[in-house]
Structure formats: C-alpha cells, structure tokens
Amino acid sequence: ARLTKVLQLNEAQRSALKTILEQRRQEFWRIRHDPSLSG
C-alpha cells in the first residue's frame, strides 16, 4: 500500500509487487531456517 501510494502503481504493477514480496518472504524463511548455513 505504501509503495502503491508513493510510486502511483497501477493494478498490474501492484499485483507484480505483491508476488515479488511474497516470494521474498518465502525465500527469506527458507534461508533463515536452513541448518546447513552458518551465520
């Protein structure tokens, strides 16, 4: 919502942004919980 307002995103951009951020969240979770990685 904040980026949509600041950047005046259209609906397609807003949808793409949501997809990117959802993928980001999932990948960060995967990285954070990977026991094979050091700090």
Full PDB file with SEQRES, HELIX, SHEET, SSBOND, CRYST1, ORIGX, SCALE, CONECT and MASTER records, all heavy atoms in Angstrom:
SEQRES   1 A   39  ALA ARG LEU THR LYS VAL LEU GLN LEU ASN GLU ALA GLN          
SEQRES   2 A   39  ARG SER ALA LEU LYS THR ILE LEU GLU GLN ARG ARG GLN          
SEQRES   3 A   39  GLU PHE TRP ARG ILE ARG HIS ASP PRO SER LEU SER GLY          
HELIX    1 AA1 ARG A    2  LEU A    7  1                                   6    
HELIX    2 AA2 GLU A   11  ARG A   32  1                                  22    
CRYST1    1.000    1.000    1.000  90.00  90.00  90.00 P 1           1          
ORIGX1      1.000000  0.000000  0.000000        0.00000                         
ORIGX2      0.000000  1.000000  0.000000        0.00000                         
ORIGX3      0.000000  0.000000  1.000000        0.00000                         
SCALE1      1.000000  0.000000  0.000000        0.00000                         
SCALE2      0.000000  1.000000  0.000000        0.00000                         
SCALE3      0.000000  0.000000  1.000000        0.00000                         
ATOM      1  N   ALA A   1       0.827  -1.207   0.000  1.00  0.00           N  
ATOM      2  CA  ALA A   1       0.000   0.000   0.000  1.00  0.00           C  
ATOM      3  C   ALA A   1       0.862   1.259   0.000  1.00  0.00           C  
ATOM      4  O   ALA A   1       0.571   2.223  -0.723  1.00  0.00           O  
ATOM      5  CB  ALA A   1      -0.937  -0.006   1.207  1.00  0.00           C  
ATOM      6  N   ARG A   2       1.918   1.246   0.806  1.00  0.00           N  
ATOM      7  CA  ARG A   2       2.799   2.418   0.900  1.00  0.00           C  
ATOM      8  C   ARG A   2       3.499   2.669  -0.436  1.00  0.00           C  
ATOM      9  O   ARG A   2       3.529   3.796  -0.933  1.00  0.00           O  
ATOM     10  CB  ARG A   2       3.826   2.221   2.010  1.00  0.00           C  
ATOM     11  CG  ARG A   2       4.695   3.419   2.262  1.00  0.00           C  
ATOM     12  CD  ARG A   2       5.546   3.293   3.519  1.00  0.00           C  
ATOM     13  NE  ARG A   2       5.798   1.946   3.986  1.00  0.00           N  
ATOM     14  CZ  ARG A   2       6.875   1.214   3.665  1.00  0.00           C  
ATOM     15  NH1 ARG A   2       7.805   1.711   2.901  1.00  0.00           N  
ATOM     16  NH2 ARG A   2       7.026  -0.004   4.138  1.00  0.00           N  
ATOM     17  N   LEU A   3       4.039   1.604  -1.043  1.00  0.00           N  
ATOM     18  CA  LEU A   3       4.707   1.759  -2.330  1.00  0.00           C  
ATOM     19  C   LEU A   3       3.722   2.127  -3.440  1.00  0.00           C  
ATOM     20  O   LEU A   3       4.055   2.906  -4.331  1.00  0.00           O  
ATOM     21  CB  LEU A   3       5.477   0.491  -2.690  1.00  0.00           C  
ATOM     22  CG  LEU A   3       6.748   0.260  -1.893  1.00  0.00           C  
ATOM     23  CD1 LEU A   3       7.323  -1.125  -2.175  1.00  0.00           C  
ATOM     24  CD2 LEU A   3       7.791   1.328  -2.178  1.00  0.00           C  
ATOM     25  N   THR A   4       2.516   1.598  -3.380  1.00  0.00           N  
ATOM     26  CA  THR A   4       1.493   1.942  -4.365  1.00  0.00           C  
ATOM     27  C   THR A   4       1.198   3.433  -4.308  1.00  0.00           C  
ATOM     28  O   THR A   4       1.108   4.104  -5.344  1.00  0.00           O  
ATOM     29  CB  THR A   4       0.199   1.137  -4.117  1.00  0.00           C  
ATOM     30  OG1 THR A   4       0.489  -0.256  -4.300  1.00  0.00           O  
ATOM     31  CG2 THR A   4      -0.907   1.543  -5.076  1.00  0.00           C  
ATOM     32  N   LYS A   5       1.087   3.960  -3.107  1.00  0.00           N  
ATOM     33  CA  LYS A   5       0.790   5.383  -2.943  1.00  0.00           C  
ATOM     34  C   LYS A   5       1.962   6.254  -3.383  1.00  0.00           C  
ATOM     35  O   LYS A   5       1.791   7.193  -4.157  1.00  0.00           O  
ATOM     36  CB  LYS A   5       0.449   5.671  -1.482  1.00  0.00           C  
ATOM     37  CG  LYS A   5       0.081   7.098  -1.213  1.00  0.00           C  
ATOM     38  CD  LYS A   5      -0.285   7.311   0.233  1.00  0.00           C  
ATOM     39  CE  LYS A   5      -0.606   8.770   0.505  1.00  0.00           C  
ATOM     40  NZ  LYS A   5      -0.920   8.998   1.905  1.00  0.00           N  
ATOM     41  N   VAL A   6       3.160   5.935  -2.904  1.00  0.00           N  
ATOM     42  CA  VAL A   6       4.337   6.756  -3.203  1.00  0.00           C  
ATOM     43  C   VAL A   6       4.682   6.720  -4.691  1.00  0.00           C  
ATOM     44  O   VAL A   6       5.016   7.743  -5.283  1.00  0.00           O  
ATOM     45  CB  VAL A   6       5.554   6.291  -2.358  1.00  0.00           C  
ATOM     46  CG1 VAL A   6       6.840   6.939  -2.820  1.00  0.00           C  
ATOM     47  CG2 VAL A   6       5.311   6.568  -0.893  1.00  0.00           C  
ATOM     48  N   LEU A   7       4.599   5.540  -5.283  1.00  0.00           N  
ATOM     49  CA  LEU A   7       5.023   5.370  -6.674  1.00  0.00           C  
ATOM     50  C   LEU A   7       3.869   5.457  -7.668  1.00  0.00           C  
ATOM     51  O   LEU A   7       4.099   5.405  -8.876  1.00  0.00           O  
ATOM     52  CB  LEU A   7       5.732   4.021  -6.841  1.00  0.00           C  
ATOM     53  CG  LEU A   7       6.969   3.814  -5.973  1.00  0.00           C  
ATOM     54  CD1 LEU A   7       7.504   2.403  -6.153  1.00  0.00           C  
ATOM     55  CD2 LEU A   7       8.034   4.852  -6.278  1.00  0.00           C  
ATOM     56  N   GLN A   8       2.649   5.561  -7.159  1.00  0.00           N  
ATOM     57  CA  GLN A   8       1.447   5.603  -8.000  1.00  0.00           C  
ATOM     58  C   GLN A   8       1.415   4.400  -8.948  1.00  0.00           C  
ATOM     59  O   GLN A   8       1.362   4.529 -10.163  1.00  0.00           O  
ATOM     60  CB  GLN A   8       1.370   6.916  -8.767  1.00  0.00           C  
ATOM     61  CG  GLN A   8       1.288   8.124  -7.851  1.00  0.00           C  
ATOM     62  CD  GLN A   8       1.321   9.440  -8.586  1.00  0.00           C  
ATOM     63  OE1 GLN A   8       1.719   9.525  -9.740  1.00  0.00           O  
ATOM     64  NE2 GLN A   8       0.878  10.484  -7.901  1.00  0.00           N  
ATOM     65  N   LEU A   9       1.458   3.221  -8.348  1.00  0.00           N  
ATOM     66  CA  LEU A   9       1.452   1.983  -9.120  1.00  0.00           C  
ATOM     67  C   LEU A   9       0.081   1.709  -9.704  1.00  0.00           C  
ATOM     68  O   LEU A   9      -0.941   1.963  -9.062  1.00  0.00           O  
ATOM     69  CB  LEU A   9       1.859   0.804  -8.230  1.00  0.00           C  
ATOM     70  CG  LEU A   9       3.224   0.870  -7.562  1.00  0.00           C  
ATOM     71  CD1 LEU A   9       3.426  -0.355  -6.682  1.00  0.00           C  
ATOM     72  CD2 LEU A   9       4.341   1.005  -8.574  1.00  0.00           C  
ATOM     73  N   ASN A  10       0.061   1.126 -10.901  1.00  0.00           N  
ATOM     74  CA  ASN A  10      -1.210   0.685 -11.458  1.00  0.00           C  
ATOM     75  C   ASN A  10      -1.506  -0.715 -10.923  1.00  0.00           C  
ATOM     76  O   ASN A  10      -0.703  -1.303 -10.200  1.00  0.00           O  
ATOM     77  CB  ASN A  10      -1.186   0.736 -12.997  1.00  0.00           C  
ATOM     78  CG  ASN A  10      -0.141  -0.188 -13.605  1.00  0.00           C  
ATOM     79  OD1 ASN A  10       0.100  -1.299 -13.124  1.00  0.00           O  
ATOM     80  ND2 ASN A  10       0.485   0.272 -14.686  1.00  0.00           N  
ATOM     81  N   GLU A  11      -2.644  -1.255 -11.268  1.00  0.00           N  
ATOM     82  CA  GLU A  11      -3.066  -2.546 -10.721  1.00  0.00           C  
ATOM     83  C   GLU A  11      -2.113  -3.679 -11.102  1.00  0.00           C  
ATOM     84  O   GLU A  11      -1.803  -4.545 -10.277  1.00  0.00           O  
ATOM     85  CB  GLU A  11      -4.491  -2.878 -11.167  1.00  0.00           C  
ATOM     86  CG  GLU A  11      -5.097  -4.071 -10.466  1.00  0.00           C  
ATOM     87  CD  GLU A  11      -5.149  -3.916  -8.943  1.00  0.00           C  
ATOM     88  OE1 GLU A  11      -5.420  -2.819  -8.432  1.00  0.00           O  
ATOM     89  OE2 GLU A  11      -4.889  -4.931  -8.249  1.00  0.00           O  
ATOM     90  N   ALA A  12      -1.628  -3.696 -12.331  1.00  0.00           N  
ATOM     91  CA  ALA A  12      -0.703  -4.752 -12.762  1.00  0.00           C  
ATOM     92  C   ALA A  12       0.609  -4.670 -11.984  1.00  0.00           C  
ATOM     93  O   ALA A  12       1.151  -5.693 -11.558  1.00  0.00           O  
ATOM     94  CB  ALA A  12      -0.444  -4.637 -14.262  1.00  0.00           C  
ATOM     95  N   GLN A  13       1.100  -3.453 -11.772  1.00  0.00           N  
ATOM     96  CA  GLN A  13       2.332  -3.272 -11.008  1.00  0.00           C  
ATOM     97  C   GLN A  13       2.136  -3.682  -9.555  1.00  0.00           C  
ATOM     98  O   GLN A  13       2.999  -4.313  -8.952  1.00  0.00           O  
ATOM     99  CB  GLN A  13       2.795  -1.813 -11.060  1.00  0.00           C  
ATOM    100  CG  GLN A  13       3.318  -1.385 -12.414  1.00  0.00           C  
ATOM    101  CD  GLN A  13       3.575   0.102 -12.457  1.00  0.00           C  
ATOM    102  OE1 GLN A  13       2.745   0.902 -12.017  1.00  0.00           O  
ATOM    103  NE2 GLN A  13       4.738   0.475 -12.980  1.00  0.00           N  
ATOM    104  N   ARG A  14       0.999  -3.318  -9.004  1.00  0.00           N  
ATOM    105  CA  ARG A  14       0.698  -3.674  -7.612  1.00  0.00           C  
ATOM    106  C   ARG A  14       0.640  -5.189  -7.446  1.00  0.00           C  
ATOM    107  O   ARG A  14       1.183  -5.750  -6.493  1.00  0.00           O  
ATOM    108  CB  ARG A  14      -0.626  -3.031  -7.192  1.00  0.00           C  
ATOM    109  CG  ARG A  14      -0.834  -2.992  -5.707  1.00  0.00           C  
ATOM    110  CD  ARG A  14      -2.019  -2.118  -5.405  1.00  0.00           C  
ATOM    111  NE  ARG A  14      -3.246  -2.813  -5.699  1.00  0.00           N  
ATOM    112  CZ  ARG A  14      -4.086  -3.259  -4.791  1.00  0.00           C  
ATOM    113  NH1 ARG A  14      -3.858  -3.039  -3.526  1.00  0.00           N  
ATOM    114  NH2 ARG A  14      -5.166  -3.899  -5.130  1.00  0.00           N  
ATOM    115  N   SER A  15       0.031  -5.861  -8.393  1.00  0.00           N  
ATOM    116  CA  SER A  15      -0.054  -7.323  -8.352  1.00  0.00           C  
ATOM    117  C   SER A  15       1.337  -7.945  -8.463  1.00  0.00           C  
ATOM    118  O   SER A  15       1.670  -8.884  -7.728  1.00  0.00           O  
ATOM    119  CB  SER A  15      -0.951  -7.816  -9.484  1.00  0.00           C  
ATOM    120  OG  SER A  15      -0.996  -9.211  -9.503  1.00  0.00           O  
ATOM    121  N   ALA A  16       2.160  -7.425  -9.374  1.00  0.00           N  
ATOM    122  CA  ALA A  16       3.525  -7.932  -9.533  1.00  0.00           C  
ATOM    123  C   ALA A  16       4.333  -7.696  -8.258  1.00  0.00           C  
ATOM    124  O   ALA A  16       5.094  -8.572  -7.829  1.00  0.00           O  
ATOM    125  CB  ALA A  16       4.199  -7.259 -10.731  1.00  0.00           C  
ATOM    126  N   LEU A  17       4.165  -6.539  -7.645  1.00  0.00           N  
ATOM    127  CA  LEU A  17       4.871  -6.223  -6.405  1.00  0.00           C  
ATOM    128  C   LEU A  17       4.481  -7.196  -5.298  1.00  0.00           C  
ATOM    129  O   LEU A  17       5.348  -7.696  -4.576  1.00  0.00           O  
ATOM    130  CB  LEU A  17       4.584  -4.784  -5.976  1.00  0.00           C  
ATOM    131  CG  LEU A  17       5.238  -4.320  -4.688  1.00  0.00           C  
ATOM    132  CD1 LEU A  17       6.752  -4.330  -4.800  1.00  0.00           C  
ATOM    133  CD2 LEU A  17       4.742  -2.930  -4.315  1.00  0.00           C  
ATOM    134  N   LYS A  18       3.201  -7.488  -5.177  1.00  0.00           N  
ATOM    135  CA  LYS A  18       2.746  -8.454  -4.164  1.00  0.00           C  
ATOM    136  C   LYS A  18       3.387  -9.824  -4.391  1.00  0.00           C  
ATOM    137  O   LYS A  18       3.831 -10.465  -3.442  1.00  0.00           O  
ATOM    138  CB  LYS A  18       1.217  -8.593  -4.192  1.00  0.00           C  
ATOM    139  CG  LYS A  18       0.494  -7.532  -3.436  1.00  0.00           C  
ATOM    140  CD  LYS A  18      -0.990  -7.791  -3.459  1.00  0.00           C  
ATOM    141  CE  LYS A  18      -1.407  -8.200  -2.076  1.00  0.00           C  
ATOM    142  NZ  LYS A  18      -2.855  -8.218  -1.890  1.00  0.00           N  
ATOM    143  N   THR A  19       3.456 -10.254  -5.641  1.00  0.00           N  
ATOM    144  CA  THR A  19       4.064 -11.544  -5.971  1.00  0.00           C  
ATOM    145  C   THR A  19       5.544 -11.548  -5.598  1.00  0.00           C  
ATOM    146  O   THR A  19       6.032 -12.506  -4.982  1.00  0.00           O  
ATOM    147  CB  THR A  19       3.891 -11.858  -7.474  1.00  0.00           C  
ATOM    148  OG1 THR A  19       2.492 -11.897  -7.769  1.00  0.00           O  
ATOM    149  CG2 THR A  19       4.542 -13.172  -7.844  1.00  0.00           C  
ATOM    150  N   ILE A  20       6.249 -10.482  -5.940  1.00  0.00           N  
ATOM    151  CA  ILE A  20       7.679 -10.378  -5.625  1.00  0.00           C  
ATOM    152  C   ILE A  20       7.893 -10.426  -4.118  1.00  0.00           C  
ATOM    153  O   ILE A  20       8.761 -11.152  -3.620  1.00  0.00           O  
ATOM    154  CB  ILE A  20       8.270  -9.078  -6.219  1.00  0.00           C  
ATOM    155  CG1 ILE A  20       8.317  -9.170  -7.741  1.00  0.00           C  
ATOM    156  CG2 ILE A  20       9.664  -8.795  -5.645  1.00  0.00           C  
ATOM    157  CD1 ILE A  20       8.585  -7.839  -8.442  1.00  0.00           C  
ATOM    158  N   LEU A  21       7.102  -9.671  -3.371  1.00  0.00           N  
ATOM    159  CA  LEU A  21       7.273  -9.624  -1.922  1.00  0.00           C  
ATOM    160  C   LEU A  21       6.892 -10.939  -1.254  1.00  0.00           C  
ATOM    161  O   LEU A  21       7.505 -11.337  -0.256  1.00  0.00           O  
ATOM    162  CB  LEU A  21       6.481  -8.459  -1.326  1.00  0.00           C  
ATOM    163  CG  LEU A  21       6.983  -7.068  -1.722  1.00  0.00           C  
ATOM    164  CD1 LEU A  21       6.089  -5.989  -1.122  1.00  0.00           C  
ATOM    165  CD2 LEU A  21       8.427  -6.864  -1.311  1.00  0.00           C  
ATOM    166  N   GLU A  22       5.916 -11.638  -1.793  1.00  0.00           N  
ATOM    167  CA  GLU A  22       5.550 -12.953  -1.259  1.00  0.00           C  
ATOM    168  C   GLU A  22       6.684 -13.948  -1.495  1.00  0.00           C  
ATOM    169  O   GLU A  22       7.036 -14.719  -0.602  1.00  0.00           O  
ATOM    170  CB  GLU A  22       4.251 -13.456  -1.903  1.00  0.00           C  
ATOM    171  CG  GLU A  22       3.827 -14.824  -1.422  1.00  0.00           C  
ATOM    172  CD  GLU A  22       3.537 -14.909   0.065  1.00  0.00           C  
ATOM    173  OE1 GLU A  22       3.087 -13.917   0.660  1.00  0.00           O  
ATOM    174  OE2 GLU A  22       3.774 -15.994   0.645  1.00  0.00           O  
ATOM    175  N   GLN A  23       7.258 -13.931  -2.683  1.00  0.00           N  
ATOM    176  CA  GLN A  23       8.389 -14.808  -2.975  1.00  0.00           C  
ATOM    177  C   GLN A  23       9.569 -14.466  -2.065  1.00  0.00           C  
ATOM    178  O   GLN A  23      10.263 -15.364  -1.585  1.00  0.00           O  
ATOM    179  CB  GLN A  23       8.801 -14.686  -4.438  1.00  0.00           C  
ATOM    180  CG  GLN A  23       7.807 -15.276  -5.392  1.00  0.00           C  
ATOM    181  CD  GLN A  23       8.123 -14.953  -6.838  1.00  0.00           C  
ATOM    182  OE1 GLN A  23       8.907 -14.060  -7.152  1.00  0.00           O  
ATOM    183  NE2 GLN A  23       7.475 -15.675  -7.749  1.00  0.00           N  
ATOM    184  N   ARG A  24       9.780 -13.178  -1.814  1.00  0.00           N  
ATOM    185  CA  ARG A  24      10.850 -12.722  -0.920  1.00  0.00           C  
ATOM    186  C   ARG A  24      10.654 -13.305   0.471  1.00  0.00           C  
ATOM    187  O   ARG A  24      11.580 -13.820   1.082  1.00  0.00           O  
ATOM    188  CB  ARG A  24      10.855 -11.201  -0.850  1.00  0.00           C  
ATOM    189  CG  ARG A  24      11.774 -10.631   0.195  1.00  0.00           C  
ATOM    190  CD  ARG A  24      11.528  -9.115   0.342  1.00  0.00           C  
ATOM    191  NE  ARG A  24      12.351  -8.550   1.364  1.00  0.00           N  
ATOM    192  CZ  ARG A  24      11.957  -8.352   2.616  1.00  0.00           C  
ATOM    193  NH1 ARG A  24      10.745  -8.691   3.002  1.00  0.00           N  
ATOM    194  NH2 ARG A  24      12.770  -7.813   3.490  1.00  0.00           N  
ATOM    195  N   ARG A  25       9.437 -13.223   0.957  1.00  0.00           N  
ATOM    196  CA  ARG A  25       9.141 -13.726   2.293  1.00  0.00           C  
ATOM    197  C   ARG A  25       9.426 -15.220   2.390  1.00  0.00           C  
ATOM    198  O   ARG A  25      10.045 -15.702   3.340  1.00  0.00           O  
ATOM    199  CB  ARG A  25       7.681 -13.431   2.651  1.00  0.00           C  
ATOM    200  CG  ARG A  25       7.304 -13.805   4.065  1.00  0.00           C  
ATOM    201  CD  ARG A  25       5.912 -13.301   4.414  1.00  0.00           C  
ATOM    202  NE  ARG A  25       4.885 -13.820   3.547  1.00  0.00           N  
ATOM    203  CZ  ARG A  25       4.142 -14.884   3.818  1.00  0.00           C  
ATOM    204  NH1 ARG A  25       4.287 -15.521   4.955  1.00  0.00           N  
ATOM    205  NH2 ARG A  25       3.217 -15.293   2.983  1.00  0.00           N  
ATOM    206  N   GLN A  26       8.991 -15.968   1.386  1.00  0.00           N  
ATOM    207  CA  GLN A  26       9.213 -17.411   1.381  1.00  0.00           C  
ATOM    208  C   GLN A  26      10.697 -17.748   1.306  1.00  0.00           C  
ATOM    209  O   GLN A  26      11.171 -18.647   2.004  1.00  0.00           O  
ATOM    210  CB  GLN A  26       8.467 -18.053   0.219  1.00  0.00           C  
ATOM    211  CG  GLN A  26       6.970 -18.028   0.383  1.00  0.00           C  
ATOM    212  CD  GLN A  26       6.250 -18.519  -0.853  1.00  0.00           C  
ATOM    213  OE1 GLN A  26       6.863 -18.954  -1.817  1.00  0.00           O  
ATOM    214  NE2 GLN A  26       4.922 -18.443  -0.826  1.00  0.00           N  
ATOM    215  N   GLU A  27      11.445 -17.034   0.479  1.00  0.00           N  
ATOM    216  CA  GLU A  27      12.872 -17.316   0.324  1.00  0.00           C  
ATOM    217  C   GLU A  27      13.644 -16.931   1.590  1.00  0.00           C  
ATOM    218  O   GLU A  27      14.544 -17.655   2.013  1.00  0.00           O  
ATOM    219  CB  GLU A  27      13.436 -16.589  -0.895  1.00  0.00           C  
ATOM    220  CG  GLU A  27      14.849 -16.983  -1.233  1.00  0.00           C  
ATOM    221  CD  GLU A  27      15.026 -18.473  -1.532  1.00  0.00           C  
ATOM    222  OE1 GLU A  27      14.091 -19.120  -2.017  1.00  0.00           O  
ATOM    223  OE2 GLU A  27      16.131 -18.992  -1.258  1.00  0.00           O  
ATOM    224  N   PHE A  28      13.297 -15.802   2.211  1.00  0.00           N  
ATOM    225  CA  PHE A  28      13.947 -15.434   3.465  1.00  0.00           C  
ATOM    226  C   PHE A  28      13.678 -16.477   4.541  1.00  0.00           C  
ATOM    227  O   PHE A  28      14.556 -16.811   5.325  1.00  0.00           O  
ATOM    228  CB  PHE A  28      13.495 -14.049   3.959  1.00  0.00           C  
ATOM    229  CG  PHE A  28      14.365 -12.935   3.490  1.00  0.00           C  
ATOM    230  CD1 PHE A  28      13.848 -11.935   2.673  1.00  0.00           C  
ATOM    231  CD2 PHE A  28      15.704 -12.857   3.847  1.00  0.00           C  
ATOM    232  CE1 PHE A  28      14.643 -10.899   2.239  1.00  0.00           C  
ATOM    233  CE2 PHE A  28      16.510 -11.830   3.414  1.00  0.00           C  
ATOM    234  CZ  PHE A  28      15.983 -10.848   2.609  1.00  0.00           C  
ATOM    235  N   TRP A  29      12.468 -16.989   4.565  1.00  0.00           N  
ATOM    236  CA  TRP A  29      12.138 -18.031   5.541  1.00  0.00           C  
ATOM    237  C   TRP A  29      13.011 -19.256   5.290  1.00  0.00           C  
ATOM    238  O   TRP A  29      13.556 -19.843   6.217  1.00  0.00           O  
ATOM    239  CB  TRP A  29      10.658 -18.394   5.456  1.00  0.00           C  
ATOM    240  CG  TRP A  29      10.230 -19.304   6.565  1.00  0.00           C  
ATOM    241  CD1 TRP A  29       9.738 -18.946   7.776  1.00  0.00           C  
ATOM    242  CD2 TRP A  29      10.281 -20.740   6.565  1.00  0.00           C  
ATOM    243  NE1 TRP A  29       9.473 -20.060   8.533  1.00  0.00           N  
ATOM    244  CE2 TRP A  29       9.801 -21.189   7.809  1.00  0.00           C  
ATOM    245  CE3 TRP A  29      10.679 -21.675   5.632  1.00  0.00           C  
ATOM    246  CZ2 TRP A  29       9.714 -22.524   8.142  1.00  0.00           C  
ATOM    247  CZ3 TRP A  29      10.596 -23.018   5.961  1.00  0.00           C  
ATOM    248  CH2 TRP A  29      10.118 -23.433   7.213  1.00  0.00           C  
ATOM    249  N   ARG A  30      13.141 -19.642   4.018  1.00  0.00           N  
ATOM    250  CA  ARG A  30      13.941 -20.808   3.655  1.00  0.00           C  
ATOM    251  C   ARG A  30      15.414 -20.596   4.066  1.00  0.00           C  
ATOM    252  O   ARG A  30      16.031 -21.492   4.629  1.00  0.00           O  
ATOM    253  CB  ARG A  30      13.828 -21.056   2.151  1.00  0.00           C  
ATOM    254  CG  ARG A  30      14.010 -22.466   1.750  1.00  0.00           C  
ATOM    255  CD  ARG A  30      13.731 -22.798   0.276  1.00  0.00           C  
ATOM    256  NE  ARG A  30      13.405 -21.751  -0.662  1.00  0.00           N  
ATOM    257  CZ  ARG A  30      12.157 -21.429  -1.050  1.00  0.00           C  
ATOM    258  NH1 ARG A  30      11.120 -22.070  -0.554  1.00  0.00           N  
ATOM    259  NH2 ARG A  30      11.961 -20.487  -1.931  1.00  0.00           N  
ATOM    260  N   ILE A  31      15.952 -19.424   3.800  1.00  0.00           N  
ATOM    261  CA  ILE A  31      17.336 -19.121   4.177  1.00  0.00           C  
ATOM    262  C   ILE A  31      17.496 -19.152   5.689  1.00  0.00           C  
ATOM    263  O   ILE A  31      18.426 -19.756   6.223  1.00  0.00           O  
ATOM    264  CB  ILE A  31      17.773 -17.749   3.617  1.00  0.00           C  
ATOM    265  CG1 ILE A  31      17.888 -17.806   2.092  1.00  0.00           C  
ATOM    266  CG2 ILE A  31      19.091 -17.290   4.249  1.00  0.00           C  
ATOM    267  CD1 ILE A  31      18.053 -16.448   1.431  1.00  0.00           C  
ATOM    268  N   ARG A  32      16.585 -18.505   6.373  1.00  0.00           N  
ATOM    269  CA  ARG A  32      16.680 -18.401   7.836  1.00  0.00           C  
ATOM    270  C   ARG A  32      16.642 -19.757   8.520  1.00  0.00           C  
ATOM    271  O   ARG A  32      17.267 -19.974   9.552  1.00  0.00           O  
ATOM    272  CB  ARG A  32      15.544 -17.528   8.358  1.00  0.00           C  
ATOM    273  CG  ARG A  32      15.624 -17.277   9.821  1.00  0.00           C  
ATOM    274  CD  ARG A  32      14.577 -16.313  10.258  1.00  0.00           C  
ATOM    275  NE  ARG A  32      14.732 -16.042  11.676  1.00  0.00           N  
ATOM    276  CZ  ARG A  32      13.799 -15.582  12.434  1.00  0.00           C  
ATOM    277  NH1 ARG A  32      12.616 -15.293  11.938  1.00  0.00           N  
ATOM    278  NH2 ARG A  32      14.020 -15.371  13.703  1.00  0.00           N  
ATOM    279  N   HIS A  33      15.891 -20.684   7.975  1.00  0.00           N  
ATOM    280  CA  HIS A  33      15.712 -21.987   8.602  1.00  0.00           C  
ATOM    281  C   HIS A  33      16.568 -23.090   7.981  1.00  0.00           C  
ATOM    282  O   HIS A  33      16.325 -24.264   8.226  1.00  0.00           O  
ATOM    283  CB  HIS A  33      14.233 -22.377   8.573  1.00  0.00           C  
ATOM    284  CG  HIS A  33      13.402 -21.480   9.433  1.00  0.00           C  
ATOM    285  ND1 HIS A  33      12.807 -20.344   8.954  1.00  0.00           N  
ATOM    286  CD2 HIS A  33      13.116 -21.537  10.750  1.00  0.00           C  
ATOM    287  CE1 HIS A  33      12.162 -19.742   9.935  1.00  0.00           C  
ATOM    288  NE2 HIS A  33      12.340 -20.433  11.035  1.00  0.00           N  
ATOM    289  N   ASP A  34      17.564 -22.704   7.202  1.00  0.00           N  
ATOM    290  CA  ASP A  34      18.457 -23.686   6.596  1.00  0.00           C  
ATOM    291  C   ASP A  34      19.590 -23.997   7.573  1.00  0.00           C  
ATOM    292  O   ASP A  34      20.485 -23.180   7.784  1.00  0.00           O  
ATOM    293  CB  ASP A  34      19.021 -23.137   5.286  1.00  0.00           C  
ATOM    294  CG  ASP A  34      19.860 -24.160   4.531  1.00  0.00           C  
ATOM    295  OD1 ASP A  34      20.298 -25.163   5.145  1.00  0.00           O  
ATOM    296  OD2 ASP A  34      20.086 -23.950   3.326  1.00  0.00           O  
ATOM    297  N   PRO A  35      19.570 -25.184   8.185  1.00  0.00           N  
ATOM    298  CA  PRO A  35      20.588 -25.510   9.199  1.00  0.00           C  
ATOM    299  C   PRO A  35      21.985 -25.713   8.625  1.00  0.00           C  
ATOM    300  O   PRO A  35      22.961 -25.716   9.367  1.00  0.00           O  
ATOM    301  CB  PRO A  35      20.060 -26.800   9.826  1.00  0.00           C  
ATOM    302  CG  PRO A  35      19.222 -27.421   8.761  1.00  0.00           C  
ATOM    303  CD  PRO A  35      18.633 -26.265   7.974  1.00  0.00           C  
ATOM    304  N   SER A  36      22.093 -25.858   7.323  1.00  0.00           N  
ATOM    305  CA  SER A  36      23.405 -26.078   6.731  1.00  0.00           C  
ATOM    306  C   SER A  36      24.199 -24.779   6.559  1.00  0.00           C  
ATOM    307  O   SER A  36      25.383 -24.822   6.241  1.00  0.00           O  
ATOM    308  CB  SER A  36      23.267 -26.774   5.374  1.00  0.00           C  
ATOM    309  OG  SER A  36      22.682 -25.900   4.427  1.00  0.00           O  
ATOM    310  N   LEU A  37      23.555 -23.640   6.783  1.00  0.00           N  
ATOM    311  CA  LEU A  37      24.223 -22.351   6.597  1.00  0.00           C  
ATOM    312  C   LEU A  37      24.753 -21.814   7.919  1.00  0.00           C  
ATOM    313  O   LEU A  37      24.089 -21.911   8.948  1.00  0.00           O  
ATOM    314  CB  LEU A  37      23.256 -21.325   6.002  1.00  0.00           C  
ATOM    315  CG  LEU A  37      22.659 -21.643   4.636  1.00  0.00           C  
ATOM    316  CD1 LEU A  37      21.653 -20.567   4.235  1.00  0.00           C  
ATOM    317  CD2 LEU A  37      23.747 -21.772   3.586  1.00  0.00           C  
ATOM    318  N   SER A  38      25.933 -21.211   7.865  1.00  0.00           N  
ATOM    319  CA  SER A  38      26.480 -20.545   9.048  1.00  0.00           C  
ATOM    320  C   SER A  38      25.815 -19.173   9.179  1.00  0.00           C  
ATOM    321  O   SER A  38      25.104 -18.724   8.273  1.00  0.00           O  
ATOM    322  CB  SER A  38      27.991 -20.369   8.898  1.00  0.00           C  
ATOM    323  OG  SER A  38      28.273 -19.415   7.878  1.00  0.00           O  
ATOM    324  N   GLY A  39      26.071 -18.509  10.275  1.00  0.00           N  
ATOM    325  CA  GLY A  39      25.508 -17.178  10.486  1.00  0.00           C  
ATOM    326  C   GLY A  39      25.895 -16.197   9.399  1.00  0.00           C  
ATOM    327  O   GLY A  39      25.061 -15.454   8.882  1.00  0.00           O  
TER     328      GLY A  39                                                      
MASTER        0    0    0    2    0    0    0    6  327    1    0    3          
END                                                                             
